Amino acid sequence: MGAAVKSGIPIDKIIQSPRLQRRQVDDRQAGAQHASFKRTRTVIEPDRILGLAHAQDGDWIKGSFTSGRASRRARTRLGCDGCQSAKKPDRAFAIVVIRAEAALVGALNRNVVGCCVEKKYRKLRRAVWETIYRVSLITPNFYVLNYPIAAAGFFNGNNRFPRRVSSQSATINDFIFDRMIRNRWGYLEKICVDKHYAKYIVDGIGGLKIPKTISVFKIDRNTTADDIQLWIEPFIGRHFVMKPTHSSGKIIFLDKPLNRKTIEEFLIFSKRSYFNIGRETQYYKMEKKIIIEDNISTGAELSDYKFFCIRGRALYLQVDVGRFVDHKRAVFSLPDFKQIDVMYGYDIPENVERPENLEKMTEIAETISRDVEFVRVDLYCVNGDIYFGEMTFSPCAGSDHISNESWAIDFLNRIKAESVPKAAIGGRFTPQAARSFDRQVGG
């Protein structure tokens, strides 16, 4: 029922992860291999339950409960007698086995702990957010109405309500929140939100490569999964990716196995208005499209280099590693690449090497951002080449928790110090260029 595999992750890091629960058990008591679970005092013997008699020190064991007596016995030991899904596998769980003279530590994924309670909590949570979304659908786009809807997500991430940007205790998240609900976006900003159109804007910048657009599909409420399946059929199995141009967080790799359920879930997500999800007003009445483009990865996990820029000046660099495996994030000051002691939404990785072409990436990010007040420019570095990702004007809707509030306040103060009237901002994107762009993309 379980299989032992090497994880390559240091045991102490696994144990320290806030997403895992842990408890030390005295190894001197009878039966050396025990793992204890939160919300129950029952002690499980992995050898008997999982058949891990040959597990080695530090093995990362993954398994799942299946139907049958062993499954029911395991649920009973976990305190999950209320589970009615005896014939269906429950969520996968993980245990770290450590044979040591002094102690043994068992780690269990928190989503499995007290699975009955957890399932009810997630169901209630989904219902709450679905209700907020439905209310948002019928609520006009006005600042006073945007605030209470968007504040729910802000509170969920920051454990507090937004502060006034003019307040001395306001942080970068408060600035992002205030900016996204006011709907004062310029023409260039509204265009650059679209992942497809943004490529046209940055095209021609020296040293910057752009993932080739293979195909674009406009969707509406009548689009079905069959329509998407027919459209992507020629591209399945090829080294391409598919994602919505009007939102973020969903991506499908077309060279990996793909089933109908995945397509249906992707289409449901893509049909939703990103404005109504979090009241990020730059997405208001935005055209819904799905884009297929080259997958620029070469097999290894790509690191995202995200530059926080103010009117053409890059202040900080956010580096995301392991986005699809073990997502971690580090923040660095620029241009010295000095790491900031802050956990910004995700755990901090152990070590992030300085990119060999950091100066060039910074130059490109500053060129892209020189015509806008505040933006995060996302770039990738693949075999020494710099690729454009996207432009983000309200990162995570200001809901990513920031552990170091003094840094977050200082970040906003630097933005305020750089503030100038919009009329004073010069740049390459003139009204004439805007009209030319409209003709080029057929707008």
Protein backbone atom coordinates (compact mmCIF):
# COMPACT_ATOMS: atom_id res chain seq x y z
CA MET A 1 0.00 0.00 0.00
CA GLY A 2 2.96 2.28 0.26
CA ALA A 3 6.28 2.64 -1.44
CA ALA A 4 9.48 4.06 -0.03
CA VAL A 5 11.33 6.51 -2.24
CA LYS A 6 14.17 8.93 -1.70
CA SER A 7 13.02 12.52 -1.68
CA GLY A 8 16.31 14.39 -1.78
CA ILE A 9 14.88 16.80 0.81
CA PRO A 10 16.76 17.21 4.11
CA ILE A 11 14.83 15.63 6.95
CA ASP A 12 15.12 18.71 9.19
CA LYS A 13 13.59 20.87 6.45
CA ILE A 14 10.66 18.48 6.05
CA ILE A 15 10.06 18.52 9.79
CA GLN A 16 10.32 22.32 10.00
CA SER A 17 7.82 22.86 7.20
CA PRO A 18 4.70 24.63 8.55
CA ARG A 19 2.60 22.42 6.27
CA LEU A 20 3.53 19.32 8.21
CA GLN A 21 2.65 18.42 11.79
CA ARG A 22 5.21 16.68 13.95
CA ARG A 23 5.75 15.16 17.37
CA GLN A 24 8.75 13.40 18.85
CA VAL A 25 8.28 9.89 20.18
CA ASP A 26 10.72 8.25 22.57
CA ASP A 27 12.55 5.57 20.61
CA ARG A 28 13.36 3.61 23.76
CA GLN A 29 9.79 2.46 24.25
CA ALA A 30 8.69 -0.87 22.83
CA GLY A 31 8.35 -0.75 19.07
CA ALA A 32 10.82 1.70 17.57
CA GLN A 33 8.75 2.77 14.59
CA HIS A 34 5.82 4.98 15.55
CA ALA A 35 4.20 8.02 13.99
CA SER A 36 1.77 10.12 16.02
CA PHE A 37 -1.02 12.15 14.46
CA LYS A 38 -2.52 15.46 15.51
CA ARG A 39 -6.06 15.48 16.97
CA THR A 40 -5.70 11.86 18.12
CA ARG A 41 -3.47 10.07 20.61
CA THR A 42 -3.50 6.87 18.59
CA VAL A 43 -0.04 5.64 17.66
CA ILE A 44 0.32 3.95 14.28
CA GLU A 45 2.90 1.34 13.43
CA PRO A 46 3.97 2.07 9.84
CA ASP A 47 5.41 -1.41 9.34
CA ARG A 48 2.05 -3.04 10.00
CA ILE A 49 -0.20 -0.51 8.29
CA LEU A 50 1.94 0.35 5.27
CA GLY A 51 4.13 -2.71 4.91
CA LEU A 52 7.32 -0.66 5.21
CA ALA A 53 9.50 -3.26 6.89
CA HIS A 54 12.37 -2.42 4.55
CA ALA A 55 12.16 1.37 4.82
CA GLN A 56 15.52 3.03 5.23
CA ASP A 57 16.54 5.91 7.46
CA GLY A 58 15.25 9.19 6.07
CA ASP A 59 13.02 7.63 3.43
CA TRP A 60 10.10 9.76 2.24
CA ILE A 61 7.14 7.39 2.10
CA LYS A 62 4.04 8.17 0.08
CA GLY A 63 0.87 6.09 0.06
CA SER A 64 -2.88 6.27 0.20
CA PHE A 65 -5.68 4.45 1.98
CA THR A 66 -7.47 2.01 -0.30
CA SER A 67 -10.57 -0.07 0.18
CA GLY A 68 -10.58 -3.19 2.35
CA ARG A 69 -9.89 -4.14 5.94
CA ALA A 70 -6.48 -2.52 6.11
CA SER A 71 -8.03 0.74 4.95
CA ARG A 72 -10.78 0.69 7.58
CA ARG A 73 -8.31 -0.31 10.28
CA ALA A 74 -6.02 2.54 9.29
CA ARG A 75 -8.89 5.03 9.35
CA THR A 76 -9.90 3.79 12.79
CA ARG A 77 -6.38 4.32 14.06
CA LEU A 78 -6.42 7.79 12.54
CA GLY A 79 -9.66 8.64 14.28
CA CYS A 80 -11.55 8.86 10.98
CA ASP A 81 -14.37 6.41 11.66
CA GLY A 82 -16.79 8.89 10.11
CA CYS A 83 -15.28 8.50 6.65
CA GLN A 84 -17.86 6.87 4.39
CA SER A 85 -15.65 6.53 1.33
CA ALA A 86 -14.44 3.00 2.06
CA LYS A 87 -14.44 2.05 -1.60
CA LYS A 88 -12.57 5.11 -2.79
CA PRO A 89 -8.97 6.13 -2.07
CA ASP A 90 -8.56 8.97 0.40
CA ARG A 91 -6.08 11.77 -0.09
CA ALA A 92 -2.44 10.74 -0.26
CA PHE A 93 -0.44 11.06 2.93
CA ALA A 94 3.26 11.03 3.74
CA ILE A 95 5.40 9.80 6.61
CA VAL A 96 9.07 10.34 7.30
CA VAL A 97 10.71 7.31 8.93
CA ILE A 98 13.80 8.05 11.00
CA ARG A 99 15.51 5.29 12.96
CA ALA A 100 17.66 7.02 15.58
CA GLU A 101 18.91 6.05 18.99
CA ALA A 102 17.25 8.93 20.81
CA ALA A 103 14.01 9.65 18.98
CA LEU A 104 11.85 9.10 15.96
CA VAL A 105 9.82 11.76 14.22
CA GLY A 106 6.65 11.11 12.19
CA ALA A 107 5.47 13.84 9.84
CA LEU A 108 1.99 13.88 8.35
CA ASN A 109 0.62 16.19 5.71
CA ARG A 110 -1.79 18.53 7.46
CA ASN A 111 -4.48 18.02 4.83
CA VAL A 112 -4.83 14.40 5.97
CA VAL A 113 -4.91 15.13 9.69
CA GLY A 114 -8.45 14.72 10.92
CA CYS A 115 -9.62 14.20 7.35
CA CYS A 116 -13.32 14.35 8.22
CA VAL A 117 -13.02 17.77 9.87
CA GLU A 118 -10.72 18.98 7.10
CA LYS A 119 -13.16 17.95 4.37
CA LYS A 120 -16.01 19.82 6.04
CA TYR A 121 -13.83 22.91 6.47
CA ARG A 122 -12.81 22.90 2.81
CA LYS A 123 -16.42 22.42 1.72
CA LEU A 124 -17.50 25.38 3.84
CA ARG A 125 -14.59 27.46 2.56
CA ARG A 126 -15.50 26.75 -1.07
CA ALA A 127 -19.11 27.67 -0.35
CA VAL A 128 -18.07 31.00 1.19
CA TRP A 129 -15.83 31.97 -1.72
CA GLU A 130 -18.43 30.86 -4.24
CA THR A 131 -20.97 33.10 -2.51
CA ILE A 132 -18.56 36.04 -2.61
CA TYR A 133 -17.97 35.40 -6.31
CA ARG A 134 -21.71 35.34 -7.06
CA VAL A 135 -22.22 38.57 -5.15
CA SER A 136 -19.33 40.08 -7.11
CA LEU A 137 -21.00 39.11 -10.40
CA ILE A 138 -23.96 41.41 -9.73
CA THR A 139 -22.02 44.21 -8.01
CA PRO A 140 -21.09 47.28 -10.11
CA ASN A 141 -17.46 48.34 -10.46
CA PHE A 142 -17.26 51.20 -7.94
CA TYR A 143 -14.58 51.77 -5.32
CA VAL A 144 -16.97 51.71 -2.35
CA LEU A 145 -18.44 48.41 -3.58
CA ASN A 146 -15.14 46.87 -4.60
CA TYR A 147 -13.67 47.41 -1.15
CA PRO A 148 -15.79 44.98 0.96
CA ILE A 149 -15.59 42.20 -1.65
CA ALA A 150 -11.83 42.49 -2.13
CA ALA A 151 -11.23 42.95 1.61
CA ALA A 152 -12.27 39.34 2.24
CA GLY A 153 -9.28 38.03 0.29
CA PHE A 154 -6.98 40.63 1.80
CA PHE A 155 -8.01 39.65 5.32
CA ASN A 156 -7.54 35.96 4.52
CA GLY A 157 -3.89 36.55 3.63
CA ASN A 158 -2.91 39.36 6.00
CA ASN A 159 -5.10 38.60 9.04
CA ARG A 160 -6.20 42.23 9.08
CA PHE A 161 -8.17 44.70 7.01
CA PRO A 162 -6.47 47.13 4.60
CA ARG A 163 -4.98 50.37 5.92
CA ARG A 164 -5.09 53.75 4.23
CA VAL A 165 -2.12 54.22 1.92
CA SER A 166 -1.46 57.59 3.59
CA SER A 167 -1.00 55.86 6.96
CA GLN A 168 2.54 55.54 8.30
CA SER A 169 1.89 51.85 9.03
CA ALA A 170 0.62 51.06 5.51
CA THR A 171 2.53 48.38 3.62
CA ILE A 172 3.08 47.44 -0.01
CA ASN A 173 0.05 45.14 0.25
CA ASP A 174 -2.15 48.10 1.25
CA PHE A 175 -0.86 50.01 -1.77
CA ILE A 176 -1.60 47.11 -4.10
CA PHE A 177 -5.09 46.69 -2.64
CA ASP A 178 -5.98 50.38 -2.89
CA ARG A 179 -4.67 50.61 -6.43
CA MET A 180 -6.48 47.56 -7.76
CA ILE A 181 -9.97 48.54 -6.54
CA ARG A 182 -9.91 52.19 -7.72
CA ASN A 183 -10.03 51.44 -11.46
CA ARG A 184 -7.73 54.26 -12.53
CA TRP A 185 -5.72 52.29 -15.06
CA GLY A 186 -4.16 53.83 -18.11
CA TYR A 187 -4.52 52.51 -21.66
CA LEU A 188 -1.10 50.85 -21.61
CA GLU A 189 -1.75 49.12 -18.30
CA LYS A 190 -5.07 47.71 -19.48
CA ILE A 191 -3.39 46.28 -22.58
CA CYS A 192 -0.42 44.79 -20.75
CA VAL A 193 -2.66 42.81 -18.41
CA ASP A 194 -3.50 40.60 -21.38
CA LYS A 195 -0.72 38.00 -21.71
CA HIS A 196 -1.20 37.90 -25.47
CA TYR A 197 -1.15 41.65 -26.12
CA ALA A 198 1.71 42.26 -23.68
CA LYS A 199 4.01 40.41 -26.08
CA TYR A 200 3.39 43.08 -28.72
CA ILE A 201 4.30 45.83 -26.24
CA VAL A 202 7.68 44.36 -25.25
CA ASP A 203 8.58 43.09 -28.70
CA GLY A 204 11.76 44.66 -30.03
CA ILE A 205 13.52 45.21 -26.70
CA GLY A 206 17.17 44.25 -27.14
CA GLY A 207 18.23 41.00 -25.48
CA LEU A 208 14.66 39.88 -24.73
CA LYS A 209 13.12 36.78 -26.27
CA ILE A 210 9.38 36.16 -26.38
CA PRO A 211 7.76 32.70 -26.30
CA LYS A 212 6.24 32.12 -29.72
CA THR A 213 2.45 32.29 -29.85
CA ILE A 214 1.14 29.16 -31.56
CA SER A 215 -2.60 29.77 -31.43
CA VAL A 216 -5.22 31.89 -29.64
CA PHE A 217 -8.82 30.85 -28.97
CA LYS A 218 -11.53 33.30 -27.88
CA ILE A 219 -14.03 31.86 -25.43
CA ASP A 220 -17.47 32.86 -24.22
CA ARG A 221 -20.22 31.38 -22.10
CA ASN A 222 -21.19 28.97 -24.89
CA THR A 223 -17.71 27.48 -25.35
CA THR A 224 -17.63 23.79 -24.43
CA ALA A 225 -14.91 21.31 -23.53
CA ASP A 226 -15.46 19.69 -26.93
CA ASP A 227 -14.57 22.99 -28.60
CA ILE A 228 -11.32 23.17 -26.64
CA GLN A 229 -10.54 19.50 -27.27
CA LEU A 230 -10.98 19.97 -31.01
CA TRP A 231 -8.86 23.13 -31.01
CA ILE A 232 -5.90 21.66 -29.10
CA GLU A 233 -5.94 18.28 -30.86
CA PRO A 234 -3.17 19.20 -33.35
CA PHE A 235 -0.96 20.42 -30.49
CA ILE A 236 -1.33 17.54 -28.02
CA GLY A 237 1.96 15.77 -27.36
CA ARG A 238 4.03 18.73 -28.51
CA HIS A 239 6.24 20.95 -26.31
CA PHE A 240 3.62 23.66 -25.80
CA VAL A 241 1.75 25.15 -22.87
CA MET A 242 -1.85 26.38 -22.70
CA LYS A 243 -3.11 29.11 -20.37
CA PRO A 244 -5.72 31.88 -20.15
CA THR A 245 -4.58 35.34 -21.24
CA HIS A 246 -6.93 37.13 -18.81
CA SER A 247 -6.05 35.51 -15.48
CA SER A 248 -3.28 33.58 -13.74
CA GLY A 249 -2.72 30.40 -11.78
CA LYS A 250 -3.71 27.86 -14.44
CA ILE A 251 -1.41 26.26 -16.98
CA ILE A 252 -1.57 22.99 -18.92
CA PHE A 253 1.48 21.28 -20.40
CA LEU A 254 0.35 19.76 -23.68
CA ASP A 255 3.22 17.28 -23.84
CA LYS A 256 1.90 15.57 -20.71
CA PRO A 257 -1.07 13.18 -20.38
CA LEU A 258 -4.34 15.11 -20.63
CA ASN A 259 -7.86 13.91 -19.87
CA ARG A 260 -11.28 15.43 -20.42
CA LYS A 261 -11.81 16.27 -16.74
CA THR A 262 -8.67 18.42 -16.76
CA ILE A 263 -9.92 20.27 -19.84
CA GLU A 264 -13.34 20.83 -18.29
CA GLU A 265 -11.85 22.21 -15.07
CA PHE A 266 -9.49 24.43 -17.06
CA LEU A 267 -12.38 25.80 -19.15
CA ILE A 268 -14.53 26.50 -16.08
CA PHE A 269 -11.66 28.46 -14.57
CA SER A 270 -10.98 30.32 -17.82
CA LYS A 271 -14.61 31.35 -18.22
CA ARG A 272 -14.58 33.14 -14.91
CA SER A 273 -13.98 36.86 -14.79
CA TYR A 274 -10.77 37.51 -12.90
CA PHE A 275 -12.22 40.87 -11.93
CA ASN A 276 -15.11 39.21 -10.13
CA ILE A 277 -12.80 36.81 -8.31
CA GLY A 278 -10.83 39.48 -6.46
CA ARG A 279 -12.09 42.84 -7.82
CA GLU A 280 -8.80 43.54 -9.57
CA THR A 281 -10.25 46.26 -11.75
CA GLN A 282 -7.61 46.05 -14.49
CA TYR A 283 -9.37 42.83 -15.53
CA TYR A 284 -12.82 44.49 -15.74
CA LYS A 285 -14.69 43.49 -18.93
CA MET A 286 -11.52 41.94 -20.27
CA GLU A 287 -11.73 39.71 -23.34
CA LYS A 288 -11.44 36.02 -22.44
CA LYS A 289 -8.94 34.04 -24.49
CA ILE A 290 -6.81 30.93 -24.23
CA ILE A 291 -3.31 30.99 -25.68
CA ILE A 292 -1.00 28.17 -26.74
CA GLU A 293 2.66 29.08 -26.84
CA ASP A 294 6.10 27.49 -26.83
CA ASN A 295 7.14 25.79 -23.62
CA ILE A 296 10.50 27.45 -22.96
CA SER A 297 11.56 24.97 -20.27
CA THR A 298 14.22 22.44 -21.19
CA GLY A 299 13.23 19.76 -18.69
CA ALA A 300 14.57 21.35 -15.52
CA GLU A 301 12.31 23.41 -13.27
CA LEU A 302 12.35 27.06 -14.29
CA SER A 303 13.03 29.80 -11.77
CA ASP A 304 10.86 32.91 -12.05
CA TYR A 305 12.62 36.26 -11.78
CA LYS A 306 10.05 38.90 -10.87
CA PHE A 307 11.20 42.54 -10.77
CA PHE A 308 9.23 45.08 -8.74
CA CYS A 309 9.57 48.31 -10.69
CA ILE A 310 8.53 51.93 -10.15
CA ARG A 311 8.49 54.06 -13.29
CA GLY A 312 11.46 52.37 -14.88
CA ARG A 313 13.44 51.67 -11.73
CA ALA A 314 13.78 48.12 -10.38
CA LEU A 315 13.75 48.07 -6.58
CA TYR A 316 13.45 44.43 -5.61
CA LEU A 317 13.74 41.01 -7.21
CA GLN A 318 11.48 38.13 -6.22
CA VAL A 319 12.76 34.68 -7.13
CA ASP A 320 10.30 31.77 -7.18
CA VAL A 321 11.68 28.24 -7.32
CA GLY A 322 9.90 24.89 -7.58
CA ARG A 323 6.52 26.36 -8.47
CA PHE A 324 5.01 22.98 -9.41
CA VAL A 325 6.81 20.82 -6.84
CA ASP A 326 7.84 22.60 -3.64
CA HIS A 327 7.15 26.30 -4.19
CA LYS A 328 9.52 28.60 -2.33
CA ARG A 329 10.31 32.29 -2.66
CA ALA A 330 13.14 34.68 -1.85
CA VAL A 331 13.31 38.48 -2.14
CA PHE A 332 16.47 40.45 -2.96
CA SER A 333 17.32 44.12 -3.09
CA LEU A 334 18.70 45.59 -6.29
CA PRO A 335 21.24 46.12 -7.70
CA ASP A 336 23.33 44.46 -4.96
CA PHE A 337 21.33 41.19 -4.92
CA LYS A 338 21.24 41.19 -1.12
CA GLN A 339 18.64 38.81 0.28
CA ILE A 340 15.88 40.38 2.41
CA ASP A 341 14.92 38.61 5.62
CA VAL A 342 11.27 38.18 4.71
CA MET A 343 8.89 35.30 3.99
CA TYR A 344 6.61 36.59 1.24
CA GLY A 345 3.74 34.14 0.88
CA TYR A 346 5.97 31.05 0.74
CA ASP A 347 8.86 29.51 2.63
CA ILE A 348 12.34 30.84 1.91
CA PRO A 349 14.60 28.53 -0.15
CA GLU A 350 17.95 27.51 1.28
CA ASN A 351 20.09 28.96 -1.43
CA VAL A 352 19.42 31.05 -4.54
CA GLU A 353 22.33 31.72 -6.83
CA ARG A 354 22.80 35.11 -8.42
CA PRO A 355 21.76 34.93 -12.10
CA GLU A 356 24.73 35.36 -14.39
CA ASN A 357 22.86 37.94 -16.48
CA LEU A 358 21.14 39.79 -13.61
CA GLU A 359 22.28 43.20 -14.86
CA LYS A 360 20.78 42.59 -18.30
CA MET A 361 17.52 41.29 -16.85
CA THR A 362 17.31 44.36 -14.62
CA GLU A 363 17.89 46.62 -17.61
CA ILE A 364 15.13 44.89 -19.57
CA ALA A 365 12.68 45.07 -16.66
CA GLU A 366 13.36 48.79 -16.26
CA THR A 367 12.84 49.38 -19.98
CA ILE A 368 9.50 47.55 -19.92
CA SER A 369 8.29 49.43 -16.83
CA ARG A 370 9.32 52.98 -17.65
CA ASP A 371 5.86 54.06 -18.83
CA VAL A 372 3.87 52.77 -15.83
CA GLU A 373 3.62 53.77 -12.20
CA PHE A 374 4.14 50.36 -10.59
CA VAL A 375 4.46 46.90 -12.09
CA ARG A 376 6.06 43.54 -11.48
CA VAL A 377 7.88 42.34 -14.58
CA ASP A 378 8.24 38.56 -14.76
CA LEU A 379 11.21 37.16 -16.69
CA TYR A 380 12.81 33.74 -17.17
CA CYS A 381 16.40 32.77 -17.82
CA VAL A 382 16.89 29.67 -19.97
CA ASN A 383 20.43 28.67 -20.98
CA GLY A 384 21.57 32.26 -20.77
CA ASP A 385 18.63 33.61 -22.80
CA ILE A 386 16.12 35.99 -21.20
CA TYR A 387 12.44 35.33 -21.90
CA PHE A 388 9.43 37.52 -21.21
CA GLY A 389 6.77 36.13 -18.89
CA GLU A 390 4.13 38.72 -18.07
CA MET A 391 3.42 42.06 -16.41
CA THR A 392 1.56 42.03 -13.09
CA PHE A 393 0.04 45.23 -11.71
CA SER A 394 -1.46 43.91 -8.48
CA PRO A 395 0.66 40.93 -7.35
CA CYS A 396 -1.55 38.36 -5.60
CA ALA A 397 -4.12 41.13 -5.01
CA GLY A 398 -2.05 42.17 -1.99
CA SER A 399 -3.06 39.01 -0.14
CA ASP A 400 0.31 37.24 0.14
CA HIS A 401 1.38 37.37 3.77
CA ILE A 402 4.58 39.32 4.48
CA SER A 403 6.43 38.23 7.61
CA ASN A 404 8.66 41.32 7.84
CA GLU A 405 6.27 44.25 8.16
CA SER A 406 9.03 46.85 8.54
CA TRP A 407 10.34 45.86 5.09
CA ALA A 408 6.80 46.02 3.66
CA ILE A 409 6.36 49.54 5.07
CA ASP A 410 9.75 50.63 3.73
CA PHE A 411 8.81 49.24 0.31
CA LEU A 412 5.75 51.50 0.19
CA ASN A 413 7.76 54.49 1.42
CA ARG A 414 10.16 54.02 -1.48
CA ILE A 415 7.20 54.06 -3.87
CA LYS A 416 5.91 57.26 -2.30
CA ALA A 417 9.35 58.85 -2.59
CA GLU A 418 9.42 58.10 -6.31
CA SER A 419 5.91 59.45 -6.85
CA VAL A 420 5.46 62.01 -9.64
CA PRO A 421 2.35 63.28 -11.43
CA LYS A 422 1.26 61.09 -14.33
CA ALA A 423 1.52 64.04 -16.70
CA ALA A 424 5.26 64.17 -15.95
CA ILE A 425 5.81 60.61 -17.11
CA GLY A 426 7.25 60.53 -20.60
CA GLY A 427 7.68 57.40 -22.66
CA ARG A 428 7.47 55.53 -25.90
CA PHE A 429 3.78 54.62 -25.62
CA THR A 430 2.06 57.65 -27.14
CA PRO A 431 -1.62 57.90 -28.21
CA GLN A 432 -0.43 57.45 -31.80
CA ALA A 433 1.34 54.22 -30.82
CA ALA A 434 -1.84 53.10 -29.07
CA ARG A 435 -3.91 53.53 -32.22
CA SER A 436 -1.24 51.74 -34.23
CA PHE A 437 -1.33 48.86 -31.76
CA ASP A 438 -5.12 48.62 -32.08
CA ARG A 439 -4.82 48.25 -35.83
CA GLN A 440 -2.03 45.67 -35.47
CA VAL A 441 -3.96 43.31 -33.17
CA GLY A 442 -7.32 43.99 -34.75
CA GLY A 443 -8.75 45.94 -31.82
